[in-house]
N, C-alpha and C. Protein backbone atom coordinates (compact mmCIF):
# COMPACT_ATOMS: atom_id res chain seq x y z
N UNK A 1 0.84 -1.25 0.04
CA UNK A 1 0.02 0.18 -0.01
C UNK A 1 0.82 1.38 0.14
N UNK A 2 0.57 2.11 -0.69
CA UNK A 2 1.28 3.48 -0.84
C UNK A 2 0.62 4.28 0.12
N UNK A 3 1.61 5.14 0.88
CA UNK A 3 1.39 6.13 1.75
C UNK A 3 1.50 7.48 1.19
N UNK A 4 0.94 8.65 1.79
CA UNK A 4 1.04 10.06 1.27
C UNK A 4 1.94 10.77 2.23
N UNK A 5 3.04 11.29 1.74
CA UNK A 5 3.94 12.01 2.40
C UNK A 5 3.20 13.23 3.11
N UNK A 6 3.46 13.53 4.26
CA UNK A 6 2.73 14.48 4.99
C UNK A 6 2.66 15.74 4.66
N UNK A 7 3.75 16.22 3.72
CA UNK A 7 3.90 17.57 2.86
C UNK A 7 3.22 17.51 1.64
N UNK A 8 2.72 16.46 1.18
CA UNK A 8 1.99 16.45 -0.14
C UNK A 8 0.42 17.11 -0.16
N UNK A 9 0.21 17.75 -1.12
CA UNK A 9 -1.25 18.20 -1.11
C UNK A 9 -2.24 17.17 -1.08
N UNK A 10 -1.87 15.83 -1.16
CA UNK A 10 -2.91 14.80 -0.92
C UNK A 10 -3.10 14.44 0.41
N UNK A 11 -2.20 14.98 1.51
CA UNK A 11 -2.14 14.70 2.87
C UNK A 11 -3.20 15.87 3.53
N UNK A 12 -3.65 16.71 2.72
CA UNK A 12 -4.68 17.62 3.35
C UNK A 12 -5.84 17.28 3.47
N UNK A 13 -6.55 17.64 4.65
CA UNK A 13 -8.06 17.40 4.78
C UNK A 13 -8.84 18.41 3.97
N UNK A 14 -9.81 17.80 3.22
CA UNK A 14 -10.78 18.56 2.56
C UNK A 14 -12.00 17.60 2.44
N UNK A 15 -13.25 18.35 2.24
CA UNK A 15 -14.37 17.51 2.36
C UNK A 15 -15.01 17.24 0.83
N UNK A 16 -15.73 16.53 0.59
CA UNK A 16 -16.40 16.21 -0.63
C UNK A 16 -17.44 17.31 -0.83
N UNK A 17 -17.92 17.26 -2.09
CA UNK A 17 -18.91 18.36 -2.18
C UNK A 17 -20.10 18.03 -1.62
N UNK A 18 -20.40 16.70 -1.35
CA UNK A 18 -21.68 16.25 -0.68
C UNK A 18 -21.31 16.34 0.83
N UNK A 19 -20.23 16.64 1.38
CA UNK A 19 -19.93 16.63 2.85
C UNK A 19 -19.30 15.30 3.32
N UNK A 20 -18.44 15.38 4.47
CA UNK A 20 -17.72 14.27 4.64
C UNK A 20 -16.44 14.19 3.97
N UNK A 21 -15.36 13.64 4.57
CA UNK A 21 -14.18 13.69 4.05
C UNK A 21 -13.94 13.08 2.64
N UNK A 22 -12.98 13.97 2.01
CA UNK A 22 -12.72 13.42 0.74
C UNK A 22 -11.60 12.46 0.68
N UNK A 23 -10.91 12.30 1.68
CA UNK A 23 -9.69 11.37 2.02
C UNK A 23 -8.75 11.41 0.73
N UNK A 24 -8.13 12.47 0.48
CA UNK A 24 -7.30 12.71 -0.71
C UNK A 24 -6.28 11.58 -0.70
N UNK A 25 -5.85 10.91 0.31
CA UNK A 25 -4.80 9.86 0.65
C UNK A 25 -5.28 8.48 -0.17
N UNK A 26 -6.48 8.46 -0.73
CA UNK A 26 -6.88 7.24 -1.38
C UNK A 26 -6.22 7.44 -2.78
N UNK A 27 -5.54 8.77 -3.20
CA UNK A 27 -5.07 8.82 -4.57
C UNK A 27 -3.77 8.67 -4.49
N UNK A 28 -3.09 8.15 -3.34
CA UNK A 28 -1.55 7.97 -3.17
C UNK A 28 -1.36 6.99 -4.27
N UNK A 29 -0.12 7.30 -4.96
CA UNK A 29 0.38 6.26 -5.85
C UNK A 29 -0.52 6.41 -7.30
N UNK A 30 -1.26 7.66 -7.30
CA UNK A 30 -1.91 7.78 -8.75
C UNK A 30 -1.52 9.14 -9.00
N UNK A 31 -1.66 9.67 -10.16
CA UNK A 31 -1.58 10.98 -10.75
C UNK A 31 -2.73 11.59 -10.67
N UNK A 32 -2.91 12.84 -10.14
CA UNK A 32 -4.10 13.77 -9.88
C UNK A 32 -3.96 15.09 -10.47
N UNK A 33 -5.00 15.62 -11.23
CA UNK A 33 -5.10 16.72 -11.73
C UNK A 33 -6.42 17.63 -10.97
N UNK A 34 -5.48 18.56 -10.12
CA UNK A 34 -6.45 19.49 -9.08
C UNK A 34 -6.92 20.64 -10.08
N UNK A 35 -7.73 21.06 -10.07
CA UNK A 35 -8.47 22.13 -10.90
C UNK A 35 -9.53 22.91 -10.09
N UNK A 36 -9.29 24.08 -10.12
CA UNK A 36 -10.59 24.84 -9.32
C UNK A 36 -11.26 25.27 -10.36
N UNK A 37 -12.55 24.86 -10.16
CA UNK A 37 -13.77 24.88 -11.22
C UNK A 37 -14.86 25.90 -10.82
N UNK A 38 -15.54 26.29 -12.02
CA UNK A 38 -16.68 27.17 -11.70
C UNK A 38 -17.77 26.94 -12.80
N UNK A 39 -18.87 27.08 -12.31
CA UNK A 39 -20.09 26.88 -13.38
C UNK A 39 -20.50 27.81 -14.46
N UNK A 40 -20.04 29.14 -13.94
CA UNK A 40 -20.52 30.15 -14.62
C UNK A 40 -19.53 31.06 -15.28
N UNK A 41 -18.57 30.47 -15.89
CA UNK A 41 -17.25 31.11 -16.26
C UNK A 41 -17.19 30.78 -17.56
N UNK A 42 -16.48 31.83 -18.28
CA UNK A 42 -16.03 31.63 -19.80
C UNK A 42 -15.32 30.22 -20.17
N UNK A 43 -14.51 29.67 -19.25
CA UNK A 43 -13.86 28.60 -19.29
C UNK A 43 -14.57 27.28 -18.82
N UNK A 44 -15.82 27.41 -18.52
CA UNK A 44 -16.49 26.24 -18.08
C UNK A 44 -16.69 25.25 -18.97
N UNK A 45 -16.62 25.38 -20.34
CA UNK A 45 -16.60 24.31 -21.27
C UNK A 45 -15.46 23.36 -21.01
N UNK A 46 -14.41 23.81 -20.24
CA UNK A 46 -13.11 22.97 -19.95
C UNK A 46 -13.72 21.55 -19.35
N UNK A 47 -14.90 21.65 -18.66
CA UNK A 47 -15.42 20.59 -17.97
C UNK A 47 -15.26 19.29 -19.07
N UNK A 48 -15.61 19.63 -20.39
CA UNK A 48 -15.61 18.45 -21.39
C UNK A 48 -14.24 17.91 -21.34
N UNK A 49 -13.24 18.65 -21.66
CA UNK A 49 -11.99 18.15 -21.70
C UNK A 49 -11.50 17.42 -20.30
N UNK A 50 -11.67 17.94 -18.99
CA UNK A 50 -11.46 17.24 -18.11
C UNK A 50 -12.10 16.09 -17.95
N UNK A 51 -13.55 15.91 -18.30
CA UNK A 51 -14.09 14.50 -18.34
C UNK A 51 -13.42 13.86 -19.17
N UNK A 52 -13.09 14.10 -20.23
CA UNK A 52 -12.27 13.21 -21.49
C UNK A 52 -10.98 12.72 -20.96
N UNK A 53 -10.24 13.52 -20.17
CA UNK A 53 -8.93 13.02 -19.63
C UNK A 53 -9.47 11.85 -18.54
N UNK A 54 -10.51 12.15 -17.52
CA UNK A 54 -10.85 11.28 -16.76
C UNK A 54 -11.23 10.05 -17.29
N UNK A 55 -12.07 10.05 -18.42
CA UNK A 55 -12.23 8.70 -19.03
C UNK A 55 -11.19 7.90 -19.57
N UNK A 56 -10.31 8.84 -20.25
CA UNK A 56 -9.15 8.07 -20.88
C UNK A 56 -8.03 7.46 -19.91
N UNK A 57 -7.80 8.03 -18.87
CA UNK A 57 -6.71 7.73 -18.23
C UNK A 57 -7.06 7.01 -16.71
N UNK A 58 -8.48 7.04 -16.30
CA UNK A 58 -8.77 6.76 -14.99
C UNK A 58 -8.49 5.33 -14.75
N UNK A 59 -8.50 4.24 -15.85
CA UNK A 59 -7.89 3.13 -15.48
C UNK A 59 -6.42 2.79 -15.64
N UNK A 60 -5.66 3.80 -15.67
CA UNK A 60 -4.38 3.90 -15.71
C UNK A 60 -3.76 4.35 -14.13
N UNK A 61 -4.56 4.85 -13.26
CA UNK A 61 -4.36 5.30 -12.10
C UNK A 61 -4.25 6.90 -12.05
N UNK A 62 -5.28 7.41 -12.69
CA UNK A 62 -5.32 8.95 -12.84
C UNK A 62 -6.72 9.49 -12.53
N UNK A 63 -6.84 10.57 -11.81
CA UNK A 63 -8.19 11.30 -11.68
C UNK A 63 -8.10 12.72 -11.57
N UNK A 64 -9.22 13.25 -12.34
CA UNK A 64 -9.24 14.68 -11.98
C UNK A 64 -9.94 14.93 -10.77
N UNK A 65 -9.49 16.01 -10.17
CA UNK A 65 -9.99 16.43 -8.75
C UNK A 65 -10.56 17.94 -9.00
N UNK A 66 -11.90 18.00 -8.95
CA UNK A 66 -12.48 19.66 -9.35
C UNK A 66 -12.60 20.09 -7.78
N UNK A 67 -12.29 21.21 -7.86
CA UNK A 67 -12.50 21.84 -6.44
C UNK A 67 -13.22 23.39 -6.69
N UNK A 68 -14.44 23.54 -6.47
CA UNK A 68 -15.40 24.56 -6.71
C UNK A 68 -14.82 25.73 -5.96
N UNK A 69 -14.85 26.81 -6.73
CA UNK A 69 -14.25 28.04 -5.88
C UNK A 69 -15.21 29.28 -6.61
N UNK A 70 -15.56 30.01 -5.66
CA UNK A 70 -16.54 31.23 -6.01
C UNK A 70 -15.72 32.68 -6.05
N UNK A 71 -14.44 32.68 -5.86
CA UNK A 71 -13.64 33.81 -5.71
C UNK A 71 -13.41 34.72 -6.93
N UNK A 72 -13.89 34.17 -7.88
CA UNK A 72 -13.56 34.88 -9.29
C UNK A 72 -14.88 35.41 -9.94
N UNK A 73 -15.29 36.87 -9.58
CA UNK A 73 -16.45 37.49 -10.06
C UNK A 73 -17.74 36.56 -9.72
N UNK A 74 -17.70 35.84 -8.70
CA UNK A 74 -18.82 34.97 -8.13
C UNK A 74 -19.45 34.16 -9.20
N UNK A 75 -18.21 33.32 -10.11
CA UNK A 75 -18.64 32.43 -11.26
C UNK A 75 -19.04 31.12 -10.48
N UNK A 76 -18.95 30.78 -9.36
CA UNK A 76 -19.54 29.50 -8.72
C UNK A 76 -20.55 29.74 -7.51
N UNK A 77 -21.71 30.43 -7.94
CA UNK A 77 -22.48 30.74 -6.66
C UNK A 77 -23.40 29.57 -6.11
N UNK A 78 -23.47 28.36 -6.74
CA UNK A 78 -24.40 27.48 -6.33
C UNK A 78 -24.11 26.80 -5.05
N UNK A 79 -25.16 26.20 -4.63
CA UNK A 79 -25.08 25.28 -3.46
C UNK A 79 -24.36 24.00 -3.86
N UNK A 80 -23.85 23.22 -2.87
CA UNK A 80 -23.18 21.97 -3.49
C UNK A 80 -24.36 20.99 -4.29
N UNK A 81 -25.62 21.01 -3.79
CA UNK A 81 -26.74 20.26 -4.94
C UNK A 81 -26.58 20.88 -6.08
N UNK A 82 -26.57 21.98 -6.21
CA UNK A 82 -26.66 22.91 -7.54
C UNK A 82 -25.52 22.76 -8.44
N UNK A 83 -24.06 22.63 -7.80
CA UNK A 83 -22.92 22.43 -8.64
C UNK A 83 -22.97 20.99 -9.10
N UNK A 84 -23.28 19.83 -8.10
CA UNK A 84 -23.31 18.72 -8.57
C UNK A 84 -24.11 18.34 -9.65
N UNK A 85 -25.44 18.87 -9.61
CA UNK A 85 -26.53 18.79 -10.79
C UNK A 85 -26.03 19.22 -11.98
N UNK A 86 -25.53 20.56 -11.96
CA UNK A 86 -24.99 21.29 -12.98
C UNK A 86 -23.71 20.25 -13.84
N UNK A 87 -22.94 19.86 -12.98
CA UNK A 87 -21.72 19.23 -13.54
C UNK A 87 -22.13 18.00 -14.22
N UNK A 88 -23.08 17.13 -13.50
CA UNK A 88 -23.71 16.01 -13.94
C UNK A 88 -24.40 16.06 -15.35
N UNK A 89 -25.43 17.09 -15.27
CA UNK A 89 -26.38 17.29 -16.28
C UNK A 89 -25.86 17.84 -17.45
N UNK A 90 -24.99 18.91 -17.33
CA UNK A 90 -24.41 19.66 -18.46
C UNK A 90 -23.18 18.89 -19.13
N UNK A 91 -22.37 18.22 -18.26
CA UNK A 91 -21.07 17.98 -18.64
C UNK A 91 -20.77 16.42 -18.37
N UNK A 92 -21.52 15.85 -17.79
CA UNK A 92 -21.43 14.31 -17.51
C UNK A 92 -20.42 13.91 -16.49
N UNK A 93 -19.93 14.81 -15.70
CA UNK A 93 -18.78 14.80 -15.00
C UNK A 93 -19.10 13.62 -13.91
N UNK A 94 -17.86 12.77 -13.97
CA UNK A 94 -17.87 11.55 -13.25
C UNK A 94 -16.74 11.62 -12.30
N UNK A 95 -15.89 12.54 -12.45
CA UNK A 95 -14.65 12.48 -11.36
C UNK A 95 -15.14 13.40 -10.32
N UNK A 96 -14.34 13.26 -9.00
CA UNK A 96 -14.87 13.60 -7.68
C UNK A 96 -14.65 15.28 -7.71
N UNK A 97 -15.63 15.78 -6.82
CA UNK A 97 -15.59 17.29 -6.44
C UNK A 97 -15.27 17.33 -5.12
N UNK A 98 -14.72 18.35 -4.77
CA UNK A 98 -14.52 18.71 -3.28
C UNK A 98 -15.54 19.72 -2.90
N UNK A 99 -15.45 20.05 -1.66
CA UNK A 99 -16.54 21.32 -1.04
C UNK A 99 -15.89 22.55 -1.94
N UNK A 100 -16.72 23.46 -1.85
CA UNK A 100 -16.33 24.84 -2.47
C UNK A 100 -15.36 25.62 -1.41
N UNK A 101 -14.20 26.09 -2.04
CA UNK A 101 -13.30 26.66 -1.07
C UNK A 101 -12.61 27.96 -1.61
N UNK A 102 -11.94 28.59 -0.73
CA UNK A 102 -11.22 29.73 -1.43
C UNK A 102 -9.87 29.27 -1.71
N UNK A 103 -9.37 29.94 -2.79
CA UNK A 103 -7.72 29.21 -3.30
C UNK A 103 -6.96 30.59 -3.20
N UNK A 104 -7.32 31.69 -2.88
CA UNK A 104 -6.45 32.92 -2.50
C UNK A 104 -6.93 33.69 -1.23
N UNK A 105 -5.90 34.41 -0.84
CA UNK A 105 -6.46 35.10 0.27
C UNK A 105 -6.10 34.47 1.59
N UNK A 106 -6.38 35.23 2.80
CA UNK A 106 -6.30 34.80 4.17
C UNK A 106 -7.07 33.46 4.51
N UNK A 107 -8.13 33.26 3.71
CA UNK A 107 -9.01 32.06 3.96
C UNK A 107 -8.56 31.04 2.96
N UNK A 108 -7.53 30.97 2.15
CA UNK A 108 -7.09 30.19 1.35
C UNK A 108 -7.13 29.00 2.02
N UNK A 109 -7.53 27.91 1.24
CA UNK A 109 -7.78 26.55 1.71
C UNK A 109 -6.23 25.85 1.95
N UNK A 110 -6.02 24.99 2.88
CA UNK A 110 -4.58 24.45 3.12
C UNK A 110 -4.26 23.80 1.94
N UNK A 111 -5.04 23.18 0.92
CA UNK A 111 -4.82 22.30 -0.13
C UNK A 111 -4.22 23.49 -1.01
N UNK A 112 -4.60 24.65 -1.36
CA UNK A 112 -4.03 25.45 -2.23
C UNK A 112 -2.57 26.26 -1.60
N UNK A 113 -2.61 26.27 -0.30
CA UNK A 113 -1.45 26.63 0.18
C UNK A 113 -0.15 25.70 -0.34
N UNK A 114 -0.41 24.52 -0.24
CA UNK A 114 0.57 23.42 -0.73
C UNK A 114 0.99 23.55 -2.28
N UNK A 115 -0.24 24.17 -3.03
CA UNK A 115 0.02 24.17 -4.39
C UNK A 115 0.63 25.24 -5.22
N UNK A 116 0.30 26.50 -4.52
CA UNK A 116 0.68 27.92 -5.31
C UNK A 116 2.12 28.29 -5.21
N UNK A 117 3.03 27.38 -4.42
CA UNK A 117 4.22 27.57 -4.52
C UNK A 117 5.03 27.17 -5.72
N UNK A 118 4.24 26.29 -6.69
CA UNK A 118 4.91 25.52 -7.73
C UNK A 118 4.74 26.37 -8.86
N UNK A 119 5.75 26.73 -9.73
CA UNK A 119 5.80 27.42 -10.93
C UNK A 119 5.21 26.79 -12.28
N UNK A 120 4.27 27.46 -13.03
CA UNK A 120 4.17 27.22 -14.32
C UNK A 120 5.25 27.34 -15.25
N UNK A 121 5.11 26.86 -16.58
CA UNK A 121 6.01 27.09 -17.51
C UNK A 121 6.41 28.27 -17.71
N UNK A 122 5.63 29.19 -17.54
CA UNK A 122 6.04 30.74 -17.52
C UNK A 122 6.66 31.22 -16.34
N UNK A 123 6.83 30.44 -15.32
CA UNK A 123 7.45 30.93 -14.23
C UNK A 123 6.51 31.52 -13.13
N UNK A 124 5.42 31.40 -13.37
CA UNK A 124 4.18 32.06 -12.44
C UNK A 124 4.18 31.12 -11.18
N UNK A 125 4.16 31.62 -10.02
CA UNK A 125 4.03 31.01 -8.78
C UNK A 125 3.24 31.93 -7.95
N UNK A 126 2.43 31.53 -6.88
CA UNK A 126 1.52 32.36 -6.08
C UNK A 126 0.31 32.25 -6.33
N UNK A 127 -0.67 33.35 -6.08
CA UNK A 127 -1.96 33.41 -6.25
C UNK A 127 -2.63 32.63 -7.52
N UNK A 128 -3.65 31.92 -7.38
CA UNK A 128 -4.43 31.50 -8.58
C UNK A 128 -4.78 32.68 -9.27
N UNK A 129 -4.82 32.45 -10.83
CA UNK A 129 -5.09 33.69 -11.52
C UNK A 129 -6.59 33.74 -11.89
N UNK A 130 -7.12 32.44 -11.87
CA UNK A 130 -8.51 32.39 -12.44
C UNK A 130 -9.16 31.14 -12.29
N UNK A 131 -10.40 30.88 -12.54
CA UNK A 131 -11.11 29.45 -12.71
C UNK A 131 -10.20 28.50 -13.76
N UNK A 132 -10.09 27.20 -13.39
CA UNK A 132 -9.56 26.35 -14.16
C UNK A 132 -7.86 26.23 -14.21
N UNK A 133 -7.20 26.92 -13.16
CA UNK A 133 -5.91 26.83 -12.94
C UNK A 133 -5.78 25.24 -12.62
N UNK A 134 -4.64 24.70 -13.25
CA UNK A 134 -4.53 23.07 -13.10
C UNK A 134 -3.27 22.73 -12.41
N UNK A 135 -3.25 21.87 -11.55
CA UNK A 135 -1.91 21.41 -11.00
C UNK A 135 -2.03 19.79 -11.08
N UNK A 136 -0.90 19.26 -11.56
CA UNK A 136 -0.66 17.85 -11.64
C UNK A 136 0.16 17.23 -10.52
N UNK A 137 -0.42 16.49 -9.79
CA UNK A 137 0.31 15.81 -8.95
C UNK A 137 0.77 14.48 -9.39
N UNK A 138 1.96 14.00 -9.20
CA UNK A 138 2.59 12.78 -9.61
C UNK A 138 2.21 11.61 -8.61
N UNK A 139 2.48 10.48 -9.03
CA UNK A 139 2.36 9.36 -8.18
C UNK A 139 3.03 9.24 -6.95
N UNK A 140 4.11 10.16 -6.85
CA UNK A 140 4.82 10.23 -5.44
C UNK A 140 4.12 11.31 -4.40
N UNK A 141 2.88 11.97 -4.95
CA UNK A 141 2.38 12.84 -4.14
C UNK A 141 2.71 14.35 -4.44
N UNK A 142 3.86 14.66 -5.04
CA UNK A 142 4.24 15.81 -5.27
C UNK A 142 3.75 16.65 -6.51
N UNK A 143 3.78 18.00 -6.55
CA UNK A 143 3.43 18.75 -7.81
C UNK A 143 4.17 18.43 -8.66
N UNK A 144 3.95 18.04 -10.09
CA UNK A 144 5.06 18.00 -11.08
C UNK A 144 4.53 18.84 -12.25
N UNK A 145 3.59 19.52 -12.30
CA UNK A 145 3.28 20.60 -13.37
C UNK A 145 2.09 21.40 -12.91
N UNK A 146 2.02 22.80 -13.51
CA UNK A 146 1.08 23.65 -13.27
C UNK A 146 0.78 24.40 -14.58
N UNK A 147 -0.55 24.54 -14.81
CA UNK A 147 -1.07 25.05 -16.17
C UNK A 147 -1.73 26.08 -15.92
N UNK A 148 -1.82 27.27 -16.91
CA UNK A 148 -2.69 28.22 -16.65
C UNK A 148 -4.01 27.99 -16.83
N UNK A 149 -4.96 28.88 -16.35
CA UNK A 149 -6.58 28.69 -16.71
C UNK A 149 -6.73 28.49 -18.20
N UNK A 150 -6.08 29.17 -19.07
CA UNK A 150 -6.38 29.25 -20.29
C UNK A 150 -5.82 27.96 -21.22
N UNK A 151 -5.05 27.15 -20.45
CA UNK A 151 -4.60 25.95 -21.18
C UNK A 151 -5.59 24.87 -21.02
N UNK A 152 -6.08 24.45 -22.13
CA UNK A 152 -7.05 23.51 -22.33
C UNK A 152 -6.67 22.15 -21.71
N UNK A 153 -7.50 21.54 -21.00
CA UNK A 153 -7.14 20.08 -20.43
C UNK A 153 -6.61 19.01 -21.35
N UNK A 154 -7.18 18.97 -22.62
CA UNK A 154 -6.62 18.16 -23.54
C UNK A 154 -5.58 18.60 -24.47
N UNK A 155 -5.01 19.86 -24.15
CA UNK A 155 -3.71 20.56 -24.84
C UNK A 155 -2.47 19.48 -24.68
N UNK A 156 -1.85 19.39 -25.76
CA UNK A 156 -0.56 18.47 -25.83
C UNK A 156 0.18 18.49 -24.58
N UNK A 157 0.52 19.60 -24.19
CA UNK A 157 1.42 19.53 -22.89
C UNK A 157 0.63 19.13 -21.64
N UNK A 158 -0.46 19.08 -21.45
CA UNK A 158 -1.29 18.54 -20.43
C UNK A 158 -1.06 17.12 -20.52
N UNK A 159 -1.57 16.69 -21.66
CA UNK A 159 -1.72 15.29 -22.01
C UNK A 159 -0.19 14.52 -21.87
N UNK A 160 0.94 15.13 -22.32
CA UNK A 160 2.16 14.76 -22.24
C UNK A 160 2.62 14.64 -20.65
N UNK A 161 2.12 15.67 -19.95
CA UNK A 161 2.65 15.83 -18.59
C UNK A 161 1.76 14.63 -17.73
N UNK A 162 0.34 14.35 -18.13
CA UNK A 162 -0.28 13.31 -17.49
C UNK A 162 0.32 12.00 -17.84
N UNK A 163 0.53 11.57 -18.98
CA UNK A 163 1.28 10.37 -19.67
C UNK A 163 2.61 10.36 -18.89
N UNK A 164 3.39 11.38 -18.48
CA UNK A 164 4.80 11.11 -18.01
C UNK A 164 4.45 10.81 -16.48
N UNK A 165 3.48 11.37 -15.87
CA UNK A 165 3.22 11.25 -14.52
C UNK A 165 2.87 9.65 -14.38
N UNK A 166 2.19 9.20 -15.30
CA UNK A 166 1.56 7.52 -15.18
C UNK A 166 2.61 6.59 -15.73
N UNK A 167 3.68 7.18 -16.33
CA UNK A 167 4.72 6.09 -16.69
C UNK A 167 5.43 5.40 -15.68
């Protein structure tokens, strides 16, 4: 059995969208793409690409983890039930979703405290810039890649990083 390093983002406690522990340690030994998501954003159609990644790589030890956030122009205003219904009915989302959290500021969730120090390919570290910023966690529980919100989930660089993390 693989365990999670106590410094890994997967060692953080966070609840599921429905309540109760999401137990991120269950993903130890897998690759995980953590994405702050929103239902009323211009980038919301990225749910399609995220779900496609989920379907393509789930059986190889990969999951997308959606983290709803309402910090960017109030683009995720719904209740847990509304978010779940929207994701399921509109995009057929099967990957797990956590509770709605803050990703920036003094109330930033501990999960994002462990993510924001990692630089993307342009060298950006720090605060999340917008909805759909992506962090890839490798099988060892460490952040291996960060992608800007505008980078599509099925972009060549994301797919290459996922495949490398699964190799």
